[in-house]
Amino acid sequence: MLSYMESEQNMVGPHKILGISGSPRKGNTEILLDEALKSAETLGGIITEKIYLRKMNINYCSGCFKCSEENENDFGCQINRDSMDKICDQLKECKGLILATPVYFGQVTAQMKTFMDRTEPLLRYAKGPWRCTLRNKIGGAIAVGGNRNGGQETTNQGIHHFFFIHDMIVVGAGSDERPGCYLGVGATTHPRSGRFPDAVKEDELGLYAARILGKRVAEVVQWNERKENQRWQRAC
């Protein structure tokens, strides 16, 4: 068991916020994610890290349920040895998680959905060291579509469902009266299109919302860690 002093040092920071891009291409989604993470880093004690799912090798979840059985190894998934092994480590280390995706038919991309499905070993009914890995971590959502109202809210809701199922703490647009999207970031590549990898730079409201979201995730990470630190103090 960790001593109080060791636990306190772990809670002082730095606290990591992990950003994951689900776009199959480099461009608008990553621009928004970068804005959010740069904003998060303006708060002291926050560091960030990025994952680009387009560069990862992630197999589909086959629904075998072996991750919910007692196993003799420490792997989360029992049948696939791929990029999710390292990603699971990164998810365990982070205190906050921002998922960013283009809108595909009103929802996240196939890359993002495959990643989500493969986090099954991190849920409450899994066995071993990965159980409830994401519980009480802070989550924020970013979606970018080709139209101003092009499915961004339903996409963010899909990300929120993922957060809720993992028992995470979800943040939205903060206290700003005109954030553009109450559910996080709802950006657009209009009046150009997603064919242009920098089109979202013309969406000032979307970029502003990304900065709000990043800062909000960082604020709640710090608040959550202070509360955890106080809990340890009372316990000791």
Protein backbone atom coordinates (compact mmCIF):
# COMPACT_ATOMS: atom_id res chain seq x y z
CA MET A 1 0.00 0.00 0.00
CA LEU A 2 1.24 3.50 -0.84
CA SER A 3 2.06 5.79 2.06
CA TYR A 4 0.21 9.08 2.32
CA MET A 5 3.28 11.06 1.19
CA GLU A 6 3.76 8.84 -1.88
CA SER A 7 0.08 9.19 -2.77
CA GLU A 8 0.18 12.96 -2.29
CA GLN A 9 3.15 13.24 -4.65
CA ASN A 10 1.24 11.26 -7.28
CA MET A 11 -1.68 13.69 -7.05
CA VAL A 12 0.34 16.91 -7.24
CA GLY A 13 1.02 16.29 -10.93
CA PRO A 14 1.77 16.72 -13.65
CA HIS A 15 -1.61 15.41 -14.73
CA LYS A 16 -1.88 14.03 -18.24
CA ILE A 17 -4.71 14.71 -20.67
CA LEU A 18 -4.80 12.29 -23.58
CA GLY A 19 -6.21 13.42 -26.93
CA ILE A 20 -7.27 10.84 -29.51
CA SER A 21 -8.02 11.70 -33.14
CA GLY A 22 -10.32 9.32 -34.97
CA SER A 23 -9.88 10.89 -38.39
CA PRO A 24 -8.53 8.69 -41.20
CA ARG A 25 -6.70 11.76 -42.55
CA LYS A 26 -4.45 14.48 -41.21
CA GLY A 27 -6.23 17.81 -41.11
CA ASN A 28 -9.27 19.48 -39.55
CA THR A 29 -9.90 17.08 -36.67
CA GLU A 30 -6.30 17.32 -35.52
CA ILE A 31 -6.36 21.12 -35.78
CA LEU A 32 -9.25 21.20 -33.31
CA LEU A 33 -7.65 18.64 -31.03
CA ASP A 34 -4.41 20.65 -31.00
CA GLU A 35 -6.34 23.79 -30.04
CA ALA A 36 -7.98 21.96 -27.15
CA LEU A 37 -4.76 20.44 -25.84
CA LYS A 38 -2.81 23.70 -26.13
CA SER A 39 -5.53 25.41 -24.12
CA ALA A 40 -5.41 22.67 -21.49
CA GLU A 41 -1.67 23.16 -21.10
CA THR A 42 -2.16 26.82 -20.14
CA LEU A 43 -3.17 25.54 -16.70
CA GLY A 44 -0.26 24.66 -14.46
CA GLY A 45 0.52 21.02 -13.83
CA ILE A 46 -1.10 19.77 -17.04
CA ILE A 47 0.71 17.84 -19.77
CA THR A 48 -0.84 16.39 -22.93
CA GLU A 49 -0.31 13.48 -25.28
CA LYS A 50 -1.89 12.63 -28.66
CA ILE A 51 -2.84 9.42 -30.42
CA TYR A 52 -3.70 9.29 -34.12
CA LEU A 53 -5.87 6.24 -34.72
CA ARG A 54 -5.12 6.40 -38.47
CA LYS A 55 -1.57 5.33 -37.59
CA MET A 56 -2.64 2.49 -35.32
CA ASN A 57 -3.26 -1.19 -36.03
CA ILE A 58 -6.44 -2.04 -34.12
CA ASN A 59 -8.39 -5.22 -34.81
CA TYR A 60 -12.14 -5.44 -34.32
CA CYS A 61 -13.64 -6.67 -31.06
CA SER A 62 -15.05 -10.15 -31.76
CA GLY A 63 -17.31 -10.25 -28.71
CA CYS A 64 -15.59 -13.33 -27.28
CA PHE A 65 -15.95 -12.08 -23.66
CA LYS A 66 -12.62 -13.62 -22.68
CA CYS A 67 -11.69 -10.29 -21.08
CA SER A 68 -14.44 -10.88 -18.49
CA GLU A 69 -12.95 -14.23 -17.44
CA GLU A 70 -10.14 -14.98 -15.02
CA ASN A 71 -6.90 -15.05 -17.02
CA GLU A 72 -3.32 -15.92 -16.16
CA ASN A 73 -1.78 -12.85 -17.84
CA ASP A 74 -2.12 -9.09 -17.47
CA PHE A 75 -3.34 -8.37 -20.99
CA GLY A 76 -6.71 -6.70 -21.33
CA CYS A 77 -7.74 -8.27 -24.62
CA GLN A 78 -6.93 -11.97 -24.63
CA ILE A 79 -6.91 -12.62 -28.38
CA ASN A 80 -5.43 -9.52 -30.08
CA ARG A 81 -1.86 -8.27 -29.75
CA ASP A 82 -1.98 -4.93 -31.53
CA SER A 83 -1.83 -1.18 -30.91
CA MET A 84 -4.46 -1.37 -28.18
CA ASP A 85 -1.90 -2.88 -25.80
CA LYS A 86 -0.01 0.42 -25.66
CA ILE A 87 -3.16 2.55 -25.91
CA CYS A 88 -4.59 0.81 -22.83
CA ASP A 89 -1.45 1.78 -20.91
CA GLN A 90 -1.90 5.39 -22.05
CA LEU A 91 -5.55 5.37 -21.02
CA LYS A 92 -4.58 4.08 -17.58
CA GLU A 93 -1.98 6.84 -17.13
CA CYS A 94 -4.14 9.79 -18.18
CA LYS A 95 -6.45 11.81 -15.94
CA GLY A 96 -8.45 13.36 -18.77
CA LEU A 97 -9.48 12.11 -22.22
CA ILE A 98 -10.53 14.14 -25.27
CA LEU A 99 -11.94 12.23 -28.24
CA ALA A 100 -12.03 14.06 -31.59
CA THR A 101 -13.65 12.81 -34.78
CA PRO A 102 -15.11 13.90 -38.09
CA VAL A 103 -18.85 13.31 -38.49
CA TYR A 104 -19.61 10.21 -40.56
CA PHE A 105 -23.35 9.70 -41.09
CA GLY A 106 -24.17 11.49 -37.84
CA GLN A 107 -21.70 9.49 -35.76
CA VAL A 108 -18.01 8.82 -35.12
CA THR A 109 -15.70 7.29 -37.72
CA ALA A 110 -15.06 3.57 -38.07
CA GLN A 111 -11.58 4.12 -36.61
CA MET A 112 -13.02 5.74 -33.48
CA LYS A 113 -15.77 3.14 -33.08
CA THR A 114 -13.28 0.28 -33.39
CA PHE A 115 -11.16 1.88 -30.66
CA MET A 116 -14.23 2.32 -28.45
CA ASP A 117 -15.31 -1.30 -28.86
CA ARG A 118 -11.83 -2.54 -27.97
CA THR A 119 -12.00 -0.83 -24.56
CA GLU A 120 -14.30 -3.64 -23.40
CA PRO A 121 -11.54 -5.02 -21.09
CA LEU A 122 -11.55 -1.71 -19.21
CA LEU A 123 -15.18 -1.94 -18.12
CA ARG A 124 -16.69 -2.82 -14.74
CA TYR A 125 -17.28 -6.50 -15.43
CA ALA A 126 -13.78 -7.20 -16.72
CA LYS A 127 -11.30 -9.15 -14.63
CA GLY A 128 -7.72 -8.32 -13.70
CA PRO A 129 -5.83 -5.02 -13.42
CA TRP A 130 -7.78 -3.24 -16.19
CA ARG A 131 -11.17 -3.29 -14.49
CA CYS A 132 -12.76 0.20 -14.31
CA THR A 133 -9.64 1.82 -15.81
CA LEU A 134 -11.52 4.92 -17.03
CA ARG A 135 -13.75 5.36 -14.00
CA ASN A 136 -13.73 8.97 -12.66
CA LYS A 137 -11.50 10.25 -15.45
CA ILE A 138 -12.61 13.45 -17.20
CA GLY A 139 -13.95 13.28 -20.77
CA GLY A 140 -14.55 15.85 -23.51
CA ALA A 141 -15.87 15.48 -27.07
CA ILE A 142 -14.94 17.15 -30.37
CA ALA A 143 -16.84 16.67 -33.64
CA VAL A 144 -16.36 18.41 -36.99
CA GLY A 145 -18.79 18.17 -39.91
CA GLY A 146 -19.23 19.58 -43.38
CA ASN A 147 -22.23 21.71 -42.36
CA ARG A 148 -22.93 23.91 -39.36
CA ASN A 149 -25.64 21.50 -38.24
CA GLY A 150 -24.27 18.36 -39.85
CA GLY A 151 -24.51 15.75 -37.10
CA GLN A 152 -22.02 17.20 -34.63
CA GLU A 153 -24.39 16.96 -31.66
CA THR A 154 -25.37 13.34 -32.29
CA THR A 155 -21.70 12.50 -32.76
CA ASN A 156 -20.80 14.16 -29.46
CA GLN A 157 -23.66 12.31 -27.79
CA GLY A 158 -22.20 9.04 -29.08
CA ILE A 159 -18.87 9.96 -27.49
CA HIS A 160 -20.65 10.93 -24.29
CA HIS A 161 -22.37 7.52 -24.20
CA PHE A 162 -18.93 5.93 -24.35
CA PHE A 163 -17.80 8.12 -21.43
CA PHE A 164 -20.91 7.37 -19.37
CA ILE A 165 -20.65 3.62 -19.90
CA HIS A 166 -17.08 3.82 -18.58
CA ASP A 167 -18.37 5.80 -15.56
CA MET A 168 -16.36 8.87 -16.50
CA ILE A 169 -17.04 12.52 -15.63
CA VAL A 170 -18.19 14.40 -18.74
CA VAL A 171 -17.68 18.12 -19.36
CA GLY A 172 -19.34 20.34 -21.92
CA ALA A 173 -18.94 23.92 -23.03
CA GLY A 174 -18.24 25.56 -19.69
CA SER A 175 -19.92 28.78 -18.56
CA ASP A 176 -19.66 30.71 -21.83
CA GLU A 177 -23.06 32.01 -22.99
CA ARG A 178 -22.31 31.42 -26.69
CA PRO A 179 -20.08 28.34 -26.94
CA GLY A 180 -21.48 27.19 -30.27
CA CYS A 181 -22.29 23.69 -28.99
CA TYR A 182 -23.34 22.88 -25.44
CA LEU A 183 -22.09 19.29 -25.69
CA GLY A 184 -18.45 20.13 -26.40
CA VAL A 185 -17.08 21.15 -29.79
CA GLY A 186 -19.35 21.19 -32.84
CA ALA A 187 -17.12 22.62 -35.56
CA THR A 188 -17.58 22.84 -39.32
CA THR A 189 -15.51 22.98 -42.49
CA HIS A 190 -18.24 25.09 -44.17
CA PRO A 191 -18.17 27.15 -46.42
CA ARG A 192 -15.31 25.10 -47.86
CA SER A 193 -15.34 21.34 -47.21
CA GLY A 194 -13.52 18.54 -45.49
CA ARG A 195 -11.54 18.00 -48.69
CA PHE A 196 -9.45 20.95 -47.55
CA PRO A 197 -7.38 19.83 -44.54
CA ASP A 198 -7.31 23.33 -43.01
CA ALA A 199 -10.88 24.43 -43.77
CA VAL A 200 -11.84 24.43 -40.08
CA LYS A 201 -9.44 27.32 -39.49
CA GLU A 202 -12.19 29.56 -40.92
CA ASP A 203 -14.60 28.41 -38.20
CA GLU A 204 -13.73 30.85 -35.45
CA LEU A 205 -16.55 29.61 -33.23
CA GLY A 206 -15.40 26.01 -33.55
CA LEU A 207 -11.81 26.90 -32.70
CA TYR A 208 -13.00 28.97 -29.75
CA ALA A 209 -15.11 26.04 -28.53
CA ALA A 210 -12.08 23.74 -28.75
CA ARG A 211 -10.10 26.08 -26.52
CA ILE A 212 -12.99 26.25 -24.04
CA LEU A 213 -13.28 22.45 -23.95
CA GLY A 214 -9.56 21.87 -23.45
CA LYS A 215 -9.40 24.32 -20.59
CA ARG A 216 -12.56 22.90 -19.04
CA VAL A 217 -11.22 19.33 -19.09
CA ALA A 218 -8.01 20.56 -17.45
CA GLU A 219 -9.92 22.50 -14.77
CA VAL A 220 -12.02 19.50 -13.81
CA VAL A 221 -8.96 17.21 -13.83
CA GLN A 222 -7.32 19.53 -11.30
CA TRP A 223 -10.52 19.77 -9.23
CA ASN A 224 -10.93 15.99 -9.26
CA GLU A 225 -7.35 15.41 -8.17
CA ARG A 226 -7.68 17.93 -5.33
CA LYS A 227 -10.77 16.10 -4.10
CA GLU A 228 -8.91 12.78 -4.27
CA ASN A 229 -6.01 14.31 -2.38
CA GLN A 230 -8.35 15.53 0.35
CA ARG A 231 -9.85 12.05 0.59
CA TRP A 232 -6.37 10.60 1.19
CA GLN A 233 -5.65 13.23 3.83
CA ARG A 234 -8.81 12.30 5.74
CA ALA A 235 -7.96 8.60 5.42
CA CYS A 236 -4.49 9.15 6.87
